Amino acid sequence: MGFVSFEIAGAGQMRRFARILAEELLKIRPKQSLLIALSGQLGGGKTTFVQGFAKGLGIRGKVQSPTFIIQKIYRLKTKNYKLFAHIDAYRFTKPNEILALGWQGLIQNPGNIVIVEWAENIKKFLTKNRIDIKIDFVSKNKRKITINGRKN
C-alpha cells in the first residue's frame, strides 16, 4: 500500500470508510499479523474509525474504546483472520506496558488483526510491517486521514 491522504466529512463517512477498508483488507491472505497503528488528537475520530473497521470485519454489537480495560479481543469468523485485538494505549506511561497484554503473541500470529489507538505511545514496539493511519482535524466535522503502509 503506499502513502495516501484525503478528507472525511462526519462520523458516518468515517465509519463507512473504515468498514470498506476492513472489507478490502480481509481479502488479503496473511503471511503475518495485520497491524494498524492509529494516531491523532483526542476526539479526532480514532474510536469512530475502529467502530467502522470492526463492522467491516463482521463484528456485531457496539464497539467502544477500551480506554480503561486497555484491550478488547473479538473472535472473527473470516477465511483469513481469526482474532481482532483492539488496544487503546492512551493511558500507557511506558511503552513496555504493551508487553503485559501478550503483545508478542498478538503480532506474531498471522491470523490476527491488531489495531492500536494512540500507537505513538508504544512506537518502539510497533513492527515495521504495519499500516499507519493518522487522523488530523481540518474543521469541526472534517478530518484528514493519512495512510502509510510500511514494509520491511
Protein backbone atom coordinates (compact mmCIF):
# COMPACT_ATOMS: atom_id res chain seq x y z
CA MET A 1 0.00 0.00 0.00
CA GLY A 2 1.93 3.30 -0.21
CA PHE A 3 1.01 6.72 1.06
CA VAL A 4 -2.43 8.28 0.56
CA SER A 5 -4.22 11.22 2.15
CA PHE A 6 -7.80 12.53 1.88
CA GLU A 7 -10.59 14.23 3.82
CA ILE A 8 -13.58 12.69 5.59
CA ALA A 9 -16.71 14.68 6.48
CA GLY A 10 -18.52 13.44 9.57
CA ALA A 11 -18.61 10.34 11.75
CA GLY A 12 -20.83 8.39 9.35
CA GLN A 13 -18.39 8.82 6.50
CA MET A 14 -15.50 7.86 8.80
CA ARG A 15 -17.27 4.62 9.76
CA ARG A 16 -18.12 3.82 6.13
CA PHE A 17 -14.55 4.41 5.00
CA ALA A 18 -13.15 2.20 7.78
CA ARG A 19 -15.72 -0.55 7.07
CA ILE A 20 -14.78 -0.62 3.39
CA LEU A 21 -11.06 -0.64 4.26
CA ALA A 22 -11.58 -3.61 6.59
CA GLU A 23 -13.56 -5.50 3.95
CA GLU A 24 -10.74 -5.00 1.45
CA LEU A 25 -8.02 -5.99 3.91
CA LEU A 26 -9.89 -9.21 4.72
CA LYS A 27 -9.29 -10.32 1.13
CA ILE A 28 -5.53 -10.36 1.65
CA ARG A 29 -4.11 -13.74 2.58
CA PRO A 30 -1.91 -13.05 5.61
CA LYS A 31 1.72 -14.03 5.88
CA GLN A 32 1.86 -12.28 9.23
CA SER A 33 -0.48 -10.42 11.55
CA LEU A 34 -2.09 -7.23 10.28
CA LEU A 35 -1.08 -4.31 12.50
CA ILE A 36 -2.79 -0.94 12.19
CA ALA A 37 -1.27 1.94 14.17
CA LEU A 38 -3.78 4.76 14.72
CA SER A 39 -2.69 8.21 15.83
CA GLY A 40 -4.28 11.62 16.13
CA GLN A 41 -5.55 14.15 18.60
CA LEU A 42 -8.01 13.45 21.38
CA GLY A 43 -11.53 13.48 19.92
CA GLY A 44 -10.23 13.17 16.38
CA GLY A 45 -12.15 10.04 15.42
CA LYS A 46 -9.88 7.09 16.20
CA THR A 47 -12.60 5.15 18.02
CA THR A 48 -15.15 6.05 15.34
CA PHE A 49 -12.72 4.62 12.79
CA VAL A 50 -12.34 1.41 14.82
CA GLN A 51 -16.13 1.05 15.09
CA GLY A 52 -16.49 1.13 11.31
CA PHE A 53 -13.48 -1.15 10.87
CA ALA A 54 -14.97 -3.70 13.28
CA LYS A 55 -18.24 -3.69 11.31
CA GLY A 56 -16.25 -4.43 8.17
CA LEU A 57 -14.72 -7.42 9.97
CA GLY A 58 -18.21 -8.73 10.73
CA ILE A 59 -18.28 -7.80 14.41
CA ARG A 60 -21.82 -7.19 15.62
CA GLY A 61 -22.77 -5.02 18.54
CA LYS A 62 -21.34 -1.83 19.90
CA VAL A 63 -17.57 -1.41 19.83
CA GLN A 64 -16.27 1.01 22.43
CA SER A 65 -12.78 2.28 23.09
CA PRO A 66 -11.05 0.08 25.67
CA THR A 67 -9.52 3.14 27.38
CA PHE A 68 -9.93 1.71 30.87
CA ILE A 69 -9.67 -2.00 30.13
CA ILE A 70 -6.84 -1.32 27.62
CA GLN A 71 -7.58 -4.26 25.30
CA LYS A 72 -10.66 -5.90 23.83
CA ILE A 73 -10.43 -9.17 21.88
CA TYR A 74 -13.02 -10.26 19.31
CA ARG A 75 -13.21 -13.64 17.60
CA LEU A 76 -13.59 -13.41 13.83
CA LYS A 77 -15.40 -15.76 11.50
CA THR A 78 -13.46 -14.92 8.38
CA LYS A 79 -11.46 -17.03 5.98
CA ASN A 80 -8.08 -15.40 6.57
CA TYR A 81 -8.28 -13.98 10.11
CA LYS A 82 -9.49 -15.44 13.40
CA LEU A 83 -8.92 -12.70 16.00
CA PHE A 84 -9.24 -8.93 16.20
CA ALA A 85 -7.48 -7.11 19.05
CA HIS A 86 -8.44 -3.50 19.76
CA ILE A 87 -5.90 -1.81 22.04
CA ASP A 88 -6.00 1.72 23.47
CA ALA A 89 -2.51 2.81 24.55
CA TYR A 90 -3.64 6.27 25.71
CA ARG A 91 -3.01 5.57 29.41
CA PHE A 92 0.40 3.95 28.96
CA THR A 93 3.18 5.81 30.74
CA LYS A 94 5.91 3.48 29.44
CA PRO A 95 5.96 1.74 26.05
CA ASN A 96 6.81 -1.66 27.56
CA GLU A 97 3.40 -1.79 29.28
CA ILE A 98 2.14 -3.24 26.00
CA LEU A 99 4.11 -6.43 26.68
CA ALA A 100 1.81 -7.37 29.59
CA LEU A 101 -1.03 -7.78 27.08
CA GLY A 102 0.68 -10.64 25.28
CA TRP A 103 1.86 -8.25 22.56
CA GLN A 104 4.44 -10.57 21.03
CA GLY A 105 1.92 -13.36 20.58
CA LEU A 106 -0.64 -11.00 19.09
CA ILE A 107 1.67 -9.56 16.45
CA GLN A 108 3.34 -12.85 15.55
CA ASN A 109 0.16 -14.76 14.70
CA PRO A 110 -0.78 -14.36 11.01
CA GLY A 111 -4.44 -14.98 11.90
CA ASN A 112 -4.62 -11.76 13.95
CA ILE A 113 -5.63 -8.22 13.16
CA VAL A 114 -4.37 -5.75 15.75
CA ILE A 115 -5.40 -2.11 15.84
CA VAL A 116 -3.80 0.25 18.35
CA GLU A 117 -5.20 3.66 19.23
CA TRP A 118 -2.51 6.08 20.44
CA ALA A 119 0.10 3.90 18.75
CA GLU A 120 2.71 6.63 19.19
CA ASN A 121 2.79 5.65 22.89
CA ILE A 122 4.26 2.24 22.02
CA LYS A 123 6.27 3.27 18.96
CA LYS A 124 9.35 1.19 19.79
CA PHE A 125 7.23 -2.00 19.87
CA LEU A 126 5.47 -1.46 16.53
CA THR A 127 6.53 -3.83 13.77
CA LYS A 128 7.93 -2.39 10.56
CA ASN A 129 5.24 -4.19 8.57
CA ARG A 130 2.17 -2.18 9.50
CA ILE A 131 -0.35 0.34 8.31
CA ASP A 132 -0.04 3.77 9.92
CA ILE A 133 -3.24 5.81 9.94
CA LYS A 134 -3.12 9.39 11.19
CA ILE A 135 -6.30 11.38 11.72
CA ASP A 136 -5.99 15.18 11.85
CA PHE A 137 -8.59 17.87 12.45
CA VAL A 138 -9.44 20.02 9.42
CA SER A 139 -12.55 21.56 10.98
CA LYS A 140 -15.24 20.62 13.48
CA ASN A 141 -16.70 17.90 11.22
CA LYS A 142 -13.85 17.26 8.77
CA ARG A 143 -10.81 15.10 9.25
CA LYS A 144 -7.76 14.47 7.12
CA ILE A 145 -6.77 10.82 7.04
CA THR A 146 -3.25 9.89 6.05
CA ILE A 147 -2.49 6.22 5.43
CA ASN A 148 1.02 4.90 5.06
CA GLY A 149 1.55 1.19 4.50
CA ARG A 150 5.01 0.16 5.70
CA LYS A 151 7.06 -2.93 4.90
CA ASN A 152 10.44 -4.25 5.96
